[in-house]
Amino acid sequence: LDGSRSGVMCGPLVRTDWDTIKFGTNAIGGDSGSPVFLVGADNRAVLIGIFKGEHGATALDAATYLQPALDRLGVEIVTG
């Protein structure tokens, strides 16, 4: 997670399902909409989701997968 208020934070990937990524960090209010990424064995970050803001003492942090969100909006990422 690269939160707008909390900065870059690492945490374990806890579980995934068809539309949600659950992970453990200490995100704070204002981090919603931040990019969520995995770091591969080659140390490259791969963007996989957008932080949904489900945080708190009893809840795992959650993100929506990036590609389905882009599909729903009818947009694509352009690089370069």
PDB file of N, CA and C in Angstrom:
ATOM      1  N   LEU A   1       0.848  -1.171   0.000  1.00  0.00           N
ATOM      2  CA  LEU A   1       0.000   0.000   0.000  1.00  0.00           C
ATOM      3  C   LEU A   1       0.893   1.233   0.000  1.00  0.00           C
ATOM      4  N   ASP A   2       0.539   2.190  -0.819  1.00  0.00           N
ATOM      5  CA  ASP A   2       1.224   3.484  -0.810  1.00  0.00           C
ATOM      6  C   ASP A   2       0.183   4.536  -0.458  1.00  0.00           C
ATOM      7  N   GLY A   3      -0.126   4.645   0.823  1.00  0.00           N
ATOM      8  CA  GLY A   3      -1.193   5.510   1.297  1.00  0.00           C
ATOM      9  C   GLY A   3      -0.844   6.985   1.216  1.00  0.00           C
ATOM     10  N   SER A   4      -1.831   7.792   0.892  1.00  0.00           N
ATOM     11  CA  SER A   4      -1.596   9.223   0.797  1.00  0.00           C
ATOM     12  C   SER A   4      -1.278   9.827   2.160  1.00  0.00           C
ATOM     13  N   ARG A   5      -1.757   9.213   3.230  1.00  0.00           N
ATOM     14  CA  ARG A   5      -1.457   9.711   4.572  1.00  0.00           C
ATOM     15  C   ARG A   5      -0.438   8.851   5.291  1.00  0.00           C
ATOM     16  N   SER A   6      -0.488   7.544   5.094  1.00  0.00           N
ATOM     17  CA  SER A   6       0.399   6.654   5.850  1.00  0.00           C
ATOM     18  C   SER A   6       1.709   6.365   5.138  1.00  0.00           C
ATOM     19  N   GLY A   7       1.781   6.616   3.832  1.00  0.00           N
ATOM     20  CA  GLY A   7       2.999   6.328   3.074  1.00  0.00           C
ATOM     21  C   GLY A   7       3.059   4.873   2.646  1.00  0.00           C
ATOM     22  N   VAL A   8       4.222   4.433   2.234  1.00  0.00           N
ATOM     23  CA  VAL A   8       4.402   3.053   1.776  1.00  0.00           C
ATOM     24  C   VAL A   8       4.459   2.128   2.986  1.00  0.00           C
ATOM     25  N   MET A   9       3.589   1.126   2.955  1.00  0.00           N
ATOM     26  CA  MET A   9       3.517   0.165   4.047  1.00  0.00           C
ATOM     27  C   MET A   9       3.468  -1.245   3.483  1.00  0.00           C
ATOM     28  N   CYS A  10       4.140  -2.146   4.158  1.00  0.00           N
ATOM     29  CA  CYS A  10       4.132  -3.558   3.765  1.00  0.00           C
ATOM     30  C   CYS A  10       3.295  -4.349   4.756  1.00  0.00           C
ATOM     31  N   GLY A  11       2.661  -5.384   4.258  1.00  0.00           N
ATOM     32  CA  GLY A  11       1.887  -6.263   5.117  1.00  0.00           C
ATOM     33  C   GLY A  11       1.625  -7.564   4.393  1.00  0.00           C
ATOM     34  N   PRO A  12       1.258  -8.600   5.133  1.00  0.00           N
ATOM     35  CA  PRO A  12       1.008  -9.899   4.510  1.00  0.00           C
ATOM     36  C   PRO A  12      -0.297  -9.923   3.725  1.00  0.00           C
ATOM     37  N   LEU A  13      -0.273 -10.641   2.625  1.00  0.00           N
ATOM     38  CA  LEU A  13      -1.492 -10.930   1.872  1.00  0.00           C
ATOM     39  C   LEU A  13      -2.214 -12.023   2.651  1.00  0.00           C
ATOM     40  N   VAL A  14      -3.429 -11.746   3.105  1.00  0.00           N
ATOM     41  CA  VAL A  14      -4.155 -12.676   3.965  1.00  0.00           C
ATOM     42  C   VAL A  14      -5.052 -13.591   3.162  1.00  0.00           C
ATOM     43  N   ARG A  15      -5.850 -13.018   2.259  1.00  0.00           N
ATOM     44  CA  ARG A  15      -6.704 -13.839   1.398  1.00  0.00           C
ATOM     45  C   ARG A  15      -7.223 -12.986   0.242  1.00  0.00           C
ATOM     46  N   THR A  16      -7.717 -13.680  -0.765  1.00  0.00           N
ATOM     47  CA  THR A  16      -8.315 -13.013  -1.912  1.00  0.00           C
ATOM     48  C   THR A  16      -9.593 -13.748  -2.284  1.00  0.00           C
ATOM     49  N   ASP A  17     -10.485 -13.050  -2.934  1.00  0.00           N
ATOM     50  CA  ASP A  17     -11.646 -13.699  -3.530  1.00  0.00           C
ATOM     51  C   ASP A  17     -11.880 -13.045  -4.882  1.00  0.00           C
ATOM     52  N   TRP A  18     -13.043 -13.209  -5.446  1.00  0.00           N
ATOM     53  CA  TRP A  18     -13.261 -12.777  -6.832  1.00  0.00           C
ATOM     54  C   TRP A  18     -13.159 -11.276  -7.026  1.00  0.00           C
ATOM     55  N   ASP A  19     -13.365 -10.469  -5.969  1.00  0.00           N
ATOM     56  CA  ASP A  19     -13.296  -9.015  -6.173  1.00  0.00           C
ATOM     57  C   ASP A  19     -12.533  -8.253  -5.095  1.00  0.00           C
ATOM     58  N   THR A  20     -12.024  -8.953  -4.086  1.00  0.00           N
ATOM     59  CA  THR A  20     -11.397  -8.257  -2.968  1.00  0.00           C
ATOM     60  C   THR A  20     -10.071  -8.910  -2.581  1.00  0.00           C
ATOM     61  N   ILE A  21      -9.126  -8.058  -2.230  1.00  0.00           N
ATOM     62  CA  ILE A  21      -7.836  -8.476  -1.702  1.00  0.00           C
ATOM     63  C   ILE A  21      -7.820  -8.067  -0.233  1.00  0.00           C
ATOM     64  N   LYS A  22      -7.545  -8.997   0.667  1.00  0.00           N
ATOM     65  CA  LYS A  22      -7.448  -8.690   2.092  1.00  0.00           C
ATOM     66  C   LYS A  22      -5.987  -8.805   2.516  1.00  0.00           C
ATOM     67  N   PHE A  23      -5.523  -7.802   3.242  1.00  0.00           N
ATOM     68  CA  PHE A  23      -4.127  -7.793   3.659  1.00  0.00           C
ATOM     69  C   PHE A  23      -4.001  -7.093   4.995  1.00  0.00           C
ATOM     70  N   GLY A  24      -2.859  -7.270   5.647  1.00  0.00           N
ATOM     71  CA  GLY A  24      -2.641  -6.685   6.957  1.00  0.00           C
ATOM     72  C   GLY A  24      -1.650  -5.535   6.917  1.00  0.00           C
ATOM     73  N   THR A  25      -2.122  -4.336   7.153  1.00  0.00           N
ATOM     74  CA  THR A  25      -1.272  -3.149   7.341  1.00  0.00           C
ATOM     75  C   THR A  25      -1.943  -2.295   8.393  1.00  0.00           C
ATOM     76  N   ASN A  26      -1.427  -1.141   8.620  1.00  0.00           N
ATOM     77  CA  ASN A  26      -2.046  -0.194   9.545  1.00  0.00           C
ATOM     78  C   ASN A  26      -2.424   1.070   8.798  1.00  0.00           C
ATOM     79  N   ALA A  27      -3.191   0.931   7.718  1.00  0.00           N
ATOM     80  CA  ALA A  27      -3.636   2.083   6.950  1.00  0.00           C
ATOM     81  C   ALA A  27      -4.488   2.977   7.832  1.00  0.00           C
ATOM     82  N   ILE A  28      -4.529   4.249   7.481  1.00  0.00           N
ATOM     83  CA  ILE A  28      -5.294   5.205   8.278  1.00  0.00           C
ATOM     84  C   ILE A  28      -6.306   5.930   7.396  1.00  0.00           C
ATOM     85  N   GLY A  29      -7.233   6.631   8.022  1.00  0.00           N
ATOM     86  CA  GLY A  29      -8.217   7.407   7.290  1.00  0.00           C
ATOM     87  C   GLY A  29      -7.545   8.362   6.313  1.00  0.00           C
ATOM     88  N   GLY A  30      -8.050   8.420   5.118  1.00  0.00           N
ATOM     89  CA  GLY A  30      -7.450   9.256   4.080  1.00  0.00           C
ATOM     90  C   GLY A  30      -6.622   8.466   3.088  1.00  0.00           C
ATOM     91  N   ASP A  31      -6.380   7.182   3.367  1.00  0.00           N
ATOM     92  CA  ASP A  31      -5.606   6.335   2.451  1.00  0.00           C
ATOM     93  C   ASP A  31      -6.468   5.713   1.355  1.00  0.00           C
ATOM     94  N   SER A  32      -7.782   5.838   1.450  1.00  0.00           N
ATOM     95  CA  SER A  32      -8.667   5.253   0.442  1.00  0.00           C
ATOM     96  C   SER A  32      -8.301   5.747  -0.951  1.00  0.00           C
ATOM     97  N   GLY A  33      -8.329   4.825  -1.910  1.00  0.00           N
ATOM     98  CA  GLY A  33      -7.975   5.161  -3.286  1.00  0.00           C
ATOM     99  C   GLY A  33      -6.504   5.007  -3.594  1.00  0.00           C
ATOM    100  N   SER A  34      -5.723   4.642  -2.597  1.00  0.00           N
ATOM    101  CA  SER A  34      -4.278   4.487  -2.791  1.00  0.00           C
ATOM    102  C   SER A  34      -3.965   3.198  -3.542  1.00  0.00           C
ATOM    103  N   PRO A  35      -2.839   3.166  -4.263  1.00  0.00           N
ATOM    104  CA  PRO A  35      -2.461   1.957  -4.984  1.00  0.00           C
ATOM    105  C   PRO A  35      -2.009   0.846  -4.033  1.00  0.00           C
ATOM    106  N   VAL A  36      -2.370  -0.381  -4.388  1.00  0.00           N
ATOM    107  CA  VAL A  36      -1.949  -1.573  -3.664  1.00  0.00           C
ATOM    108  C   VAL A  36      -1.133  -2.409  -4.636  1.00  0.00           C
ATOM    109  N   PHE A  37       0.033  -2.846  -4.200  1.00  0.00           N
ATOM    110  CA  PHE A  37       0.917  -3.564  -5.110  1.00  0.00           C
ATOM    111  C   PHE A  37       1.612  -4.713  -4.410  1.00  0.00           C
ATOM    112  N   LEU A  38       2.070  -5.665  -5.224  1.00  0.00           N
ATOM    113  CA  LEU A  38       2.910  -6.766  -4.760  1.00  0.00           C
ATOM    114  C   LEU A  38       4.322  -6.508  -5.238  1.00  0.00           C
ATOM    115  N   VAL A  39       5.291  -6.936  -4.443  1.00  0.00           N
ATOM    116  CA  VAL A  39       6.691  -6.831  -4.848  1.00  0.00           C
ATOM    117  C   VAL A  39       7.161  -8.236  -5.187  1.00  0.00           C
ATOM    118  N   GLY A  40       7.610  -8.414  -6.431  1.00  0.00           N
ATOM    119  CA  GLY A  40       8.041  -9.717  -6.902  1.00  0.00           C
ATOM    120  C   GLY A  40       9.456 -10.062  -6.483  1.00  0.00           C
ATOM    121  N   ALA A  41       9.861 -11.274  -6.811  1.00  0.00           N
ATOM    122  CA  ALA A  41      11.208 -11.741  -6.490  1.00  0.00           C
ATOM    123  C   ALA A  41      12.277 -10.872  -7.132  1.00  0.00           C
ATOM    124  N   ASP A  42      11.926 -10.196  -8.228  1.00  0.00           N
ATOM    125  CA  ASP A  42      12.884  -9.316  -8.905  1.00  0.00           C
ATOM    126  C   ASP A  42      12.871  -7.894  -8.332  1.00  0.00           C
ATOM    127  N   ASN A  43      12.172  -7.697  -7.193  1.00  0.00           N
ATOM    128  CA  ASN A  43      12.055  -6.398  -6.516  1.00  0.00           C
ATOM    129  C   ASN A  43      11.269  -5.361  -7.307  1.00  0.00           C
ATOM    130  N   ARG A  44      10.481  -5.785  -8.273  1.00  0.00           N
ATOM    131  CA  ARG A  44       9.641  -4.863  -9.031  1.00  0.00           C
ATOM    132  C   ARG A  44       8.234  -4.878  -8.446  1.00  0.00           C
ATOM    133  N   ALA A  45       7.653  -3.705  -8.300  1.00  0.00           N
ATOM    134  CA  ALA A  45       6.290  -3.590  -7.788  1.00  0.00           C
ATOM    135  C   ALA A  45       5.303  -3.750  -8.931  1.00  0.00           C
ATOM    136  N   VAL A  46       4.260  -4.528  -8.688  1.00  0.00           N
ATOM    137  CA  VAL A  46       3.200  -4.747  -9.663  1.00  0.00           C
ATOM    138  C   VAL A  46       1.902  -4.244  -9.050  1.00  0.00           C
ATOM    139  N   LEU A  47       1.286  -3.250  -9.673  1.00  0.00           N
ATOM    140  CA  LEU A  47       0.033  -2.691  -9.199  1.00  0.00           C
ATOM    141  C   LEU A  47      -1.078  -3.717  -9.378  1.00  0.00           C
ATOM    142  N   ILE A  48      -1.787  -4.041  -8.279  1.00  0.00           N
ATOM    143  CA  ILE A  48      -2.847  -5.047  -8.359  1.00  0.00           C
ATOM    144  C   ILE A  48      -4.202  -4.536  -7.905  1.00  0.00           C
ATOM    145  N   GLY A  49      -4.247  -3.419  -7.176  1.00  0.00           N
ATOM    146  CA  GLY A  49      -5.536  -2.997  -6.656  1.00  0.00           C
ATOM    147  C   GLY A  49      -5.564  -1.563  -6.179  1.00  0.00           C
ATOM    148  N   ILE A  50      -6.740  -1.179  -5.689  1.00  0.00           N
ATOM    149  CA  ILE A  50      -6.994   0.151  -5.165  1.00  0.00           C
ATOM    150  C   ILE A  50      -7.562  -0.014  -3.760  1.00  0.00           C
ATOM    151  N   PHE A  51      -6.958   0.659  -2.792  1.00  0.00           N
ATOM    152  CA  PHE A  51      -7.356   0.539  -1.389  1.00  0.00           C
ATOM    153  C   PHE A  51      -8.787   1.032  -1.176  1.00  0.00           C
ATOM    154  N   LYS A  52      -9.602   0.198  -0.494  1.00  0.00           N
ATOM    155  CA  LYS A  52     -11.008   0.525  -0.283  1.00  0.00           C
ATOM    156  C   LYS A  52     -11.270   1.247   1.028  1.00  0.00           C
ATOM    157  N   GLY A  53     -10.304   1.299   1.891  1.00  0.00           N
ATOM    158  CA  GLY A  53     -10.500   2.026   3.136  1.00  0.00           C
ATOM    159  C   GLY A  53     -11.169   1.249   4.242  1.00  0.00           C
ATOM    160  N   GLU A  54     -11.225  -0.061   4.135  1.00  0.00           N
ATOM    161  CA  GLU A  54     -11.790  -0.881   5.208  1.00  0.00           C
ATOM    162  C   GLU A  54     -10.702  -1.149   6.230  1.00  0.00           C
ATOM    163  N   HIS A  55     -10.523  -0.214   7.111  1.00  0.00           N
ATOM    164  CA  HIS A  55      -9.474  -0.381   8.115  1.00  0.00           C
ATOM    165  C   HIS A  55     -10.066  -0.223   9.505  1.00  0.00           C
ATOM    166  N   GLY A  56      -9.297  -0.578  10.477  1.00  0.00           N
ATOM    167  CA  GLY A  56      -9.748  -0.492  11.860  1.00  0.00           C
ATOM    168  C   GLY A  56      -9.147  -1.618  12.666  1.00  0.00           C
ATOM    169  N   ALA A  57      -9.354  -1.570  13.956  1.00  0.00           N
ATOM    170  CA  ALA A  57      -8.720  -2.518  14.858  1.00  0.00           C
ATOM    171  C   ALA A  57      -9.147  -3.964  14.603  1.00  0.00           C
ATOM    172  N   THR A  58     -10.388  -4.176  14.146  1.00  0.00           N
ATOM    173  CA  THR A  58     -10.865  -5.552  13.980  1.00  0.00           C
ATOM    174  C   THR A  58     -10.952  -5.980  12.523  1.00  0.00           C
ATOM    175  N   ALA A  59     -10.780  -5.070  11.600  1.00  0.00           N
ATOM    176  CA  ALA A  59     -10.940  -5.401  10.179  1.00  0.00           C
ATOM    177  C   ALA A  59      -9.589  -5.483   9.490  1.00  0.00           C
ATOM    178  N   LEU A  60      -9.488  -6.382   8.532  1.00  0.00           N
ATOM    179  CA  LEU A  60      -8.320  -6.402   7.671  1.00  0.00           C
ATOM    180  C   LEU A  60      -8.466  -5.288   6.652  1.00  0.00           C
ATOM    181  N   ASP A  61      -7.349  -4.760   6.202  1.00  0.00           N
ATOM    182  CA  ASP A  61      -7.397  -3.791   5.116  1.00  0.00           C
ATOM    183  C   ASP A  61      -7.857  -4.507   3.853  1.00  0.00           C
ATOM    184  N   ALA A  62      -8.525  -3.788   2.971  1.00  0.00           N
ATOM    185  CA  ALA A  62      -9.076  -4.402   1.768  1.00  0.00           C
ATOM    186  C   ALA A  62      -8.846  -3.509   0.566  1.00  0.00           C
ATOM    187  N   ALA A  63      -8.725  -4.160  -0.576  1.00  0.00           N
ATOM    188  CA  ALA A  63      -8.572  -3.448  -1.841  1.00  0.00           C
ATOM    189  C   ALA A  63      -9.423  -4.150  -2.880  1.00  0.00           C
ATOM    190  N   THR A  64      -9.831  -3.408  -3.881  1.00  0.00           N
ATOM    191  CA  THR A  64     -10.512  -3.996  -5.023  1.00  0.00           C
ATOM    192  C   THR A  64      -9.462  -4.241  -6.095  1.00  0.00           C
ATOM    193  N   TYR A  65      -9.600  -5.356  -6.806  1.00  0.00           N
ATOM    194  CA  TYR A  65      -8.670  -5.638  -7.894  1.00  0.00           C
ATOM    195  C   TYR A  65      -8.719  -4.525  -8.930  1.00  0.00           C
ATOM    196  N   LEU A  66      -7.596  -4.161  -9.459  1.00  0.00           N
ATOM    197  CA  LEU A  66      -7.512  -3.060 -10.405  1.00  0.00           C
ATOM    198  C   LEU A  66      -8.222  -3.351 -11.722  1.00  0.00           C
ATOM    199  N   GLN A  67      -7.954  -4.491 -12.340  1.00  0.00           N
ATOM    200  CA  GLN A  67      -8.491  -4.750 -13.674  1.00  0.00           C
ATOM    201  C   GLN A  67     -10.018  -4.768 -13.718  1.00  0.00           C
ATOM    202  N   PRO A  68     -10.707  -5.449 -12.798  1.00  0.00           N
ATOM    203  CA  PRO A  68     -12.167  -5.388 -12.830  1.00  0.00           C
ATOM    204  C   PRO A  68     -12.702  -3.962 -12.639  1.00  0.00           C
ATOM    205  N   ALA A  69     -12.035  -3.176 -11.809  1.00  0.00           N
ATOM    206  CA  ALA A  69     -12.465  -1.788 -11.617  1.00  0.00           C
ATOM    207  C   ALA A  69     -12.310  -0.998 -12.911  1.00  0.00           C
ATOM    208  N   LEU A  70     -11.210  -1.198 -13.607  1.00  0.00           N
ATOM    209  CA  LEU A  70     -11.003  -0.519 -14.890  1.00  0.00           C
ATOM    210  C   LEU A  70     -12.041  -0.961 -15.909  1.00  0.00           C
ATOM    211  N   ASP A  71     -12.338  -2.267 -15.916  1.00  0.00           N
ATOM    212  CA  ASP A  71     -13.345  -2.799 -16.846  1.00  0.00           C
ATOM    213  C   ASP A  71     -14.717  -2.174 -16.592  1.00  0.00           C
ATOM    214  N   ARG A  72     -15.098  -2.061 -15.319  1.00  0.00           N
ATOM    215  CA  ARG A  72     -16.391  -1.464 -14.985  1.00  0.00           C
ATOM    216  C   ARG A  72     -16.477  -0.013 -15.442  1.00  0.00           C
ATOM    217  N   LEU A  73     -15.349   0.684 -15.368  1.00  0.00           N
ATOM    218  CA  LEU A  73     -15.320   2.086 -15.778  1.00  0.00           C
ATOM    219  C   LEU A  73     -15.148   2.261 -17.287  1.00  0.00           C
ATOM    220  N   GLY A  74     -14.778   1.181 -17.969  1.00  0.00           N
ATOM    221  CA  GLY A  74     -14.550   1.249 -19.409  1.00  0.00           C
ATOM    222  C   GLY A  74     -13.290   2.018 -19.769  1.00  0.00           C
ATOM    223  N   VAL A  75     -12.254   1.909 -18.923  1.00  0.00           N
ATOM    224  CA  VAL A  75     -10.998   2.613 -19.183  1.00  0.00           C
ATOM    225  C   VAL A  75      -9.839   1.627 -19.157  1.00  0.00           C
ATOM    226  N   GLU A  76      -8.692   2.075 -19.627  1.00  0.00           N
ATOM    227  CA  GLU A  76      -7.489   1.256 -19.591  1.00  0.00           C
ATOM    228  C   GLU A  76      -6.303   2.115 -19.188  1.00  0.00           C
ATOM    229  N   ILE A  77      -5.276   1.463 -18.707  1.00  0.00           N
ATOM    230  CA  ILE A  77      -4.047   2.158 -18.321  1.00  0.00           C
ATOM    231  C   ILE A  77      -3.166   2.310 -19.553  1.00  0.00           C
ATOM    232  N   VAL A  78      -2.645   3.491 -19.753  1.00  0.00           N
ATOM    233  CA  VAL A  78      -1.715   3.755 -20.844  1.00  0.00           C
ATOM    234  C   VAL A  78      -0.395   4.168 -20.224  1.00  0.00           C
ATOM    235  N   THR A  79       0.675   3.509 -20.623  1.00  0.00           N
ATOM    236  CA  THR A  79       2.003   3.862 -20.112  1.00  0.00           C
ATOM    237  C   THR A  79       2.901   4.252 -21.271  1.00  0.00           C
ATOM    238  N   GLY A  80       3.912   4.980 -20.936  1.00  0.00           N
ATOM    239  CA  GLY A  80       4.922   5.339 -21.940  1.00  0.00           C
ATOM    240  C   GLY A  80       4.552   6.414 -22.818  1.00  0.00           C
TER     241      GLY A  80
END
